Protein backbone atom coordinates (compact mmCIF):
# COMPACT_ATOMS: atom_id res chain seq x y z
CA UNK A 1 123.61 121.55 148.58
CA UNK A 2 120.68 119.10 149.27
CA UNK A 3 116.84 120.01 149.35
CA UNK A 4 117.07 119.28 153.06
CA UNK A 5 119.43 121.89 153.40
CA UNK A 6 117.58 124.81 151.56
CA UNK A 7 114.15 123.75 153.44
CA UNK A 8 116.11 124.40 156.68
CA UNK A 9 118.31 127.98 155.23
CA UNK A 10 113.94 128.67 154.11
CA UNK A 11 112.82 128.31 157.19
CA UNK A 12 115.38 130.30 158.59
CA UNK A 13 114.54 133.02 156.49
CA UNK A 14 111.07 132.86 156.90
CA UNK A 15 111.92 133.60 160.51
CA UNK A 16 114.62 136.27 160.76
CA UNK A 17 112.66 139.42 159.94
CA UNK A 18 114.44 142.65 158.89
CA UNK A 19 116.65 145.56 160.01
CA UNK A 20 117.82 148.61 159.03
CA UNK A 21 120.83 148.73 156.92
CA UNK A 22 120.40 145.69 155.04
CA UNK A 23 121.27 146.27 151.63
CA UNK A 24 121.00 142.19 150.42
CA UNK A 25 120.29 139.78 153.15
CA UNK A 26 119.82 135.67 153.67
CA UNK A 27 119.72 134.32 149.63
CA UNK A 28 122.76 135.18 147.96
CA UNK A 29 126.47 134.52 148.70
CA UNK A 30 126.97 137.17 151.56
CA UNK A 31 125.28 139.80 152.55
CA UNK A 32 125.31 143.86 151.74
CA UNK A 33 125.15 145.71 154.80
CA UNK A 34 125.11 149.58 154.83
CA UNK A 35 127.14 151.21 157.78
CA UNK A 36 126.26 154.41 158.88
CA UNK A 37 128.59 157.42 158.97
CA UNK A 38 130.90 158.52 162.12
CA UNK A 39 130.52 154.95 163.03
CA UNK A 40 132.93 151.62 163.53
CA UNK A 41 132.12 148.29 162.77
CA UNK A 42 132.41 145.79 165.84
CA UNK A 43 132.82 142.35 164.95
CA UNK A 44 132.58 139.16 167.12
CA UNK A 45 132.52 135.63 166.74
CA UNK A 46 131.77 132.71 168.97
CA UNK A 47 131.16 129.05 168.59
CA UNK A 48 129.70 126.62 171.13
CA UNK A 49 129.57 123.24 170.82
CA UNK A 50 127.57 120.41 172.52
CA UNK A 51 129.08 118.74 175.62
CA UNK A 52 131.40 121.60 175.75
CA UNK A 53 129.53 124.87 175.96
CA UNK A 54 125.84 123.51 176.93
CA UNK A 55 125.06 120.56 178.58
CA UNK A 56 123.94 117.79 175.93
CA UNK A 57 120.55 117.97 177.53
CA UNK A 58 119.76 121.39 177.23
CA UNK A 59 116.59 122.67 175.13
CA UNK A 60 116.98 123.86 171.93
CA UNK A 61 115.60 127.11 172.58
CA UNK A 62 117.78 127.24 175.34
CA UNK A 63 120.85 126.83 172.74
CA UNK A 64 119.49 129.12 170.57
CA UNK A 65 119.36 131.97 173.29
CA UNK A 66 122.70 131.19 174.62
CA UNK A 67 124.43 130.81 171.43
CA UNK A 68 123.23 134.76 170.35
CA UNK A 69 123.75 136.06 173.95
CA UNK A 70 127.45 135.20 174.23
CA UNK A 71 128.19 137.63 171.28
CA UNK A 72 125.54 140.12 172.16
CA UNK A 73 127.99 140.07 175.64
CA UNK A 74 130.98 140.92 173.43
CA UNK A 75 129.35 143.53 171.87
CA UNK A 76 128.48 145.18 175.35
CA UNK A 77 131.86 144.59 176.64
CA UNK A 78 132.63 147.08 173.74
CA UNK A 79 130.01 149.66 174.33
CA UNK A 80 128.31 148.89 171.09
CA UNK A 81 124.75 148.75 169.80
CA UNK A 82 123.90 145.73 168.04
CA UNK A 83 122.94 145.68 164.54
CA UNK A 84 123.68 142.03 162.37
CA UNK A 85 124.81 138.78 163.27
CA UNK A 86 125.22 135.72 160.99
CA UNK A 87 124.12 132.06 161.83
CA UNK A 88 125.89 128.48 160.91
CA UNK A 89 124.52 125.82 162.03
CA UNK A 90 126.47 121.92 162.43
CA UNK A 91 123.52 119.27 162.79
CA UNK A 92 123.57 115.65 163.02
CA UNK A 93 120.69 115.85 160.94
CA UNK A 94 118.44 117.95 158.92
CA UNK A 95 115.44 118.24 161.84
CA UNK A 96 113.02 121.14 160.80
CA UNK A 97 111.25 121.03 164.73
CA UNK A 98 114.86 121.14 166.33
CA UNK A 99 115.29 124.26 164.01
CA UNK A 100 112.48 125.76 165.00
CA UNK A 101 112.48 125.59 168.73
CA UNK A 102 116.38 126.47 168.35
CA UNK A 103 115.11 130.11 166.32
CA UNK A 104 112.76 130.33 169.14
CA UNK A 105 115.31 131.25 171.46
CA UNK A 106 117.67 132.87 169.50
CA UNK A 107 114.88 135.28 167.60
CA UNK A 108 113.17 135.69 171.27
CA UNK A 109 116.67 137.38 172.40
CA UNK A 110 117.30 138.73 168.86
CA UNK A 111 114.25 141.17 168.60
CA UNK A 112 115.10 142.18 172.49
CA UNK A 113 118.25 143.86 171.01
CA UNK A 114 116.86 144.82 167.29
CA UNK A 115 119.86 142.38 165.64
CA UNK A 116 119.31 141.34 162.07
CA UNK A 117 120.03 137.83 161.27
CA UNK A 118 121.55 138.05 157.57
CA UNK A 119 123.19 134.88 156.57
CA UNK A 120 125.00 132.05 157.68
CA UNK A 121 125.28 128.12 156.75
CA UNK A 122 124.04 124.71 157.54
CA UNK A 123 126.05 121.81 157.10
CA UNK A 124 125.99 118.23 158.58
CA UNK A 125 128.24 117.04 161.36
CA UNK A 126 128.18 117.11 165.24
CA UNK A 127 125.79 119.96 167.10
CA UNK A 128 127.81 123.27 166.57
CA UNK A 129 126.45 126.93 166.69
CA UNK A 130 128.42 129.85 165.21
CA UNK A 131 127.53 133.25 165.19
CA UNK A 132 128.67 136.55 164.15
CA UNK A 133 127.26 139.36 165.54
CA UNK A 134 128.38 142.69 164.40
CA UNK A 135 127.42 146.18 166.34
CA UNK A 136 128.02 150.03 166.02
CA UNK A 137 130.03 152.01 167.98
CA UNK A 138 130.92 156.13 167.38
CA UNK A 139 134.15 156.67 165.87
CA UNK A 140 136.91 156.55 168.60
CA UNK A 141 134.24 155.73 171.70
CA UNK A 142 134.73 151.79 171.83
CA UNK A 143 135.54 150.46 174.86
CA UNK A 144 138.52 148.51 174.91
CA UNK A 145 140.66 146.01 177.28
CA UNK A 146 143.75 148.12 176.85
CA UNK A 147 143.46 151.25 178.86
CA UNK A 148 142.94 150.37 182.18
CA UNK A 149 144.84 152.80 185.05
CA UNK A 150 146.66 152.83 187.71
CA UNK A 151 144.55 154.10 190.75
CA UNK A 152 141.14 152.53 188.63
CA UNK A 153 138.37 151.03 190.54
CA UNK A 154 137.77 147.24 189.28
CA UNK A 155 133.85 146.92 189.03
CA UNK A 156 131.72 143.73 188.34
CA UNK A 157 127.99 143.92 186.91
CA UNK A 158 125.89 141.55 188.28
CA UNK A 159 126.16 138.81 190.33
CA UNK A 160 128.96 136.32 189.23
CA UNK A 161 129.09 132.39 189.95
CA UNK A 162 125.30 131.88 189.26
CA UNK A 163 126.20 129.85 186.19
CA UNK A 164 129.35 128.14 187.77
CA UNK A 165 127.07 126.97 190.62
CA UNK A 166 124.20 125.38 188.32
CA UNK A 167 126.88 123.70 186.11
CA UNK A 168 128.92 121.91 188.87
CA UNK A 169 124.94 121.02 190.40
CA UNK A 170 124.34 119.05 186.83
CA UNK A 171 128.01 117.75 186.55
CA UNK A 172 127.54 116.18 189.88
CA UNK A 173 124.05 114.39 188.98
CA UNK A 174 122.23 117.48 191.25
CA UNK A 175 119.24 119.72 190.06
CA UNK A 176 120.45 123.11 190.13
CA UNK A 177 117.97 125.79 191.21
CA UNK A 178 116.00 127.04 188.88
CA UNK A 179 117.02 130.75 189.02
CA UNK A 180 120.93 129.20 188.97
CA UNK A 181 119.93 127.36 186.19
CA UNK A 182 118.51 130.19 183.97
CA UNK A 183 121.40 132.20 184.43
CA UNK A 184 123.46 129.05 182.96
CA UNK A 185 120.72 128.24 179.85
CA UNK A 186 119.97 132.04 179.21
CA UNK A 187 122.61 134.51 180.14
CA UNK A 188 121.43 138.10 180.06
CA UNK A 189 123.96 140.05 177.73
CA UNK A 190 124.80 143.53 179.31
CA UNK A 191 124.18 145.68 176.28
CA UNK A 192 122.44 148.59 177.94
CA UNK A 193 124.96 148.90 180.70
CA UNK A 194 127.94 148.27 178.49
CA UNK A 195 126.35 151.31 176.06
CA UNK A 196 125.91 153.56 179.24
CA UNK A 197 129.54 153.00 180.72
CA UNK A 198 131.15 154.36 177.49
CA UNK A 199 132.87 157.58 178.73
CA UNK A 200 132.83 156.47 181.83
CA UNK A 201 134.68 153.16 182.11
CA UNK A 202 138.35 152.90 180.78
CA UNK A 203 138.72 149.44 180.13
CA UNK A 204 135.82 146.59 180.00
CA UNK A 205 135.58 143.00 179.14
CA UNK A 206 132.71 140.20 179.28
CA UNK A 207 133.23 137.47 182.30
CA UNK A 208 132.77 134.12 179.74
CA UNK A 209 136.12 132.38 181.57
CA UNK A 210 136.38 133.02 185.04
CA UNK A 211 136.23 136.69 186.70
CA UNK A 212 140.21 136.87 187.53
CA UNK A 213 141.31 134.76 183.84
CA UNK A 214 138.83 137.57 182.51
CA UNK A 215 140.41 140.43 184.68
CA UNK A 216 143.97 139.13 183.77
CA UNK A 217 143.29 139.76 179.55
CA UNK A 218 142.55 143.60 180.80
CA UNK A 219 145.58 143.97 183.26
CA UNK A 220 148.21 142.07 180.30
CA UNK A 221 146.62 144.41 178.00
CA UNK A 222 147.17 147.27 179.99
CA UNK A 223 150.26 146.92 181.60
CA UNK A 224 148.96 147.16 185.05
CA UNK A 225 147.91 144.83 187.76
CA UNK A 226 144.60 144.32 189.71
CA UNK A 227 143.76 143.75 193.71
CA UNK A 228 140.15 142.00 194.44
CA UNK A 229 138.46 141.99 197.63
CA UNK A 230 136.59 138.73 197.48
CA UNK A 231 134.39 139.62 200.21
CA UNK A 232 132.94 142.64 198.29
CA UNK A 233 131.94 140.14 195.24
CA UNK A 234 128.20 140.63 194.77
CA UNK A 235 126.20 137.25 195.65
CA UNK A 236 122.91 136.44 194.22
CA UNK A 237 120.46 134.83 197.22
CA UNK A 238 121.03 131.48 195.99
CA UNK A 239 124.68 131.97 196.62
CA UNK A 240 124.55 133.99 199.60
CA UNK A 241 124.37 131.37 202.17
CA UNK A 242 127.08 129.10 200.80
CA UNK A 243 130.32 129.09 202.78
CA UNK A 244 132.97 131.81 201.53
CA UNK A 245 135.72 129.60 200.04
CA UNK A 246 133.30 127.35 197.78
CA UNK A 247 131.00 130.38 196.64
CA UNK A 248 134.53 132.22 196.00
CA UNK A 249 135.38 129.63 193.65
CA UNK A 250 132.47 130.07 191.45
CA UNK A 251 132.29 134.04 191.73
CA UNK A 252 136.10 134.23 190.96
CA UNK A 253 137.07 131.59 188.32
CA UNK A 254 133.87 130.51 187.36
CA UNK A 255 132.40 131.53 183.30
CA UNK A 256 129.38 131.51 181.59
CA UNK A 257 127.65 134.65 183.88
CA UNK A 258 128.59 137.04 180.95
CA UNK A 259 128.78 139.90 182.89
CA UNK A 260 131.30 143.09 182.86
CA UNK A 261 134.08 143.67 184.49
CA UNK A 262 135.50 147.08 184.41
CA UNK A 263 137.45 149.68 185.21
CA UNK A 264 137.10 153.40 185.58
CA UNK A 265 138.55 156.48 187.73
CA UNK A 266 137.40 156.72 191.61
CA UNK A 267 135.75 160.13 190.49
CA UNK A 268 133.28 158.61 188.48
CA UNK A 269 131.84 156.30 191.67
CA UNK A 270 129.03 158.44 191.49
CA UNK A 271 128.17 159.01 187.84
CA UNK A 272 128.39 154.87 187.07
CA UNK A 273 126.12 154.21 189.48
CA UNK A 274 123.41 157.02 188.01
CA UNK A 275 124.05 155.77 184.62
CA UNK A 276 123.56 152.17 185.60
CA UNK A 277 120.24 153.11 187.15
CA UNK A 278 118.69 153.21 183.62
CA UNK A 279 119.58 150.08 182.89
CA UNK A 280 118.56 146.35 184.84
CA UNK A 281 121.49 145.74 186.29
CA UNK A 282 123.88 147.01 188.83
CA UNK A 283 127.02 147.04 189.71
CA UNK A 284 129.57 146.50 192.78
CA UNK A 285 133.27 148.07 193.28
CA UNK A 286 135.40 145.02 193.87
CA UNK A 287 138.73 146.12 193.77
CA UNK A 288 141.77 148.40 192.59
CA UNK A 289 143.96 148.45 189.51
CA UNK A 290 147.83 148.59 191.09
CA UNK A 291 151.28 149.42 188.83
CA UNK A 292 152.25 145.53 190.01
CA UNK A 293 151.72 142.88 187.43
CA UNK A 294 149.31 139.91 188.44
CA UNK A 295 145.89 139.41 189.17
CA UNK A 296 145.47 139.22 193.28
CA UNK A 297 142.74 137.88 195.69
CA UNK A 298 142.58 138.78 199.34
CA UNK A 299 139.94 137.29 201.97
CA UNK A 300 138.20 138.48 204.68
CA UNK A 301 141.65 138.48 206.65
CA UNK A 302 143.69 140.56 203.88
CA UNK A 303 145.32 137.17 203.25
CA UNK A 304 146.22 136.19 199.61
CA UNK A 305 143.40 133.94 198.52
CA UNK A 306 144.46 130.82 196.14
CA UNK A 307 142.07 129.93 193.87
CA UNK A 308 141.35 126.02 192.57
CA UNK A 309 141.88 127.94 188.82
CA UNK A 310 142.17 130.86 187.52
CA UNK A 311 139.23 130.24 184.85
CA UNK A 312 138.40 127.95 182.43
CA UNK A 313 140.70 127.31 179.58
CA UNK A 314 139.73 125.31 176.43
CA UNK A 315 142.84 123.55 175.16
CA UNK A 316 143.79 121.80 178.98
């Protein structure tokens, strides 16, 4: 390990802070963590690569925020409380000012969710960030993909499509509205909503690759299908005035929103609304779970809509 790498690790350790349950944190070969009794450990990992998961010109603080946010979103979809995380950085060169700016965004979001940074790695290479996040959930209480039931309502939090609209504008050399760019650069993981949905929702997933694509994962895992009413998709003020077919492409097929899509019994409609009143996000019913396999979307005339794509795929 070079002196420059030691310096970066020391820089990160100095800013990481402490959280309960950490027996041994940054500075040894591995962390020692104490899981409370009657809790299960939820573990997720995501890698973000420059030019793939964020535009090359993205500010370091926004990269830091997003690299943690996408992992917290996975914990939210499981109904877990964030606890600890690790961070691995691949950097073209040892750049303390870049790392400090990155940590500004990363630790800002970490502080909001009381998640402790307990280890990781630094190496030289193309810009890439890998985060492993760990959360805690009551034993047997995790939300899962494989519990959707025929007759369930399909819900979505927030306003999907905003991040996809911003990304398309950037790819076309246009300036995206500030509110949409914020949704792309700094997605808000729906941790509080996930916690509130525990015990009310049957199945849940976060929308990273597109609503239809991610809902398909729920349906395949649960052995069911889904019908979505596109006119019910909630739209932000920036998207509400956009022609429907174009807007639906962003809302139904665009990724990067990190909203939650979940299914629940119709009997729980009022309870879900009441539960989410205690969070900063609302949810909208957009369809239902059916026995016929596959996910189908319908327009205002009840005609099946053919999407431009089902969602983002990494290896096409």
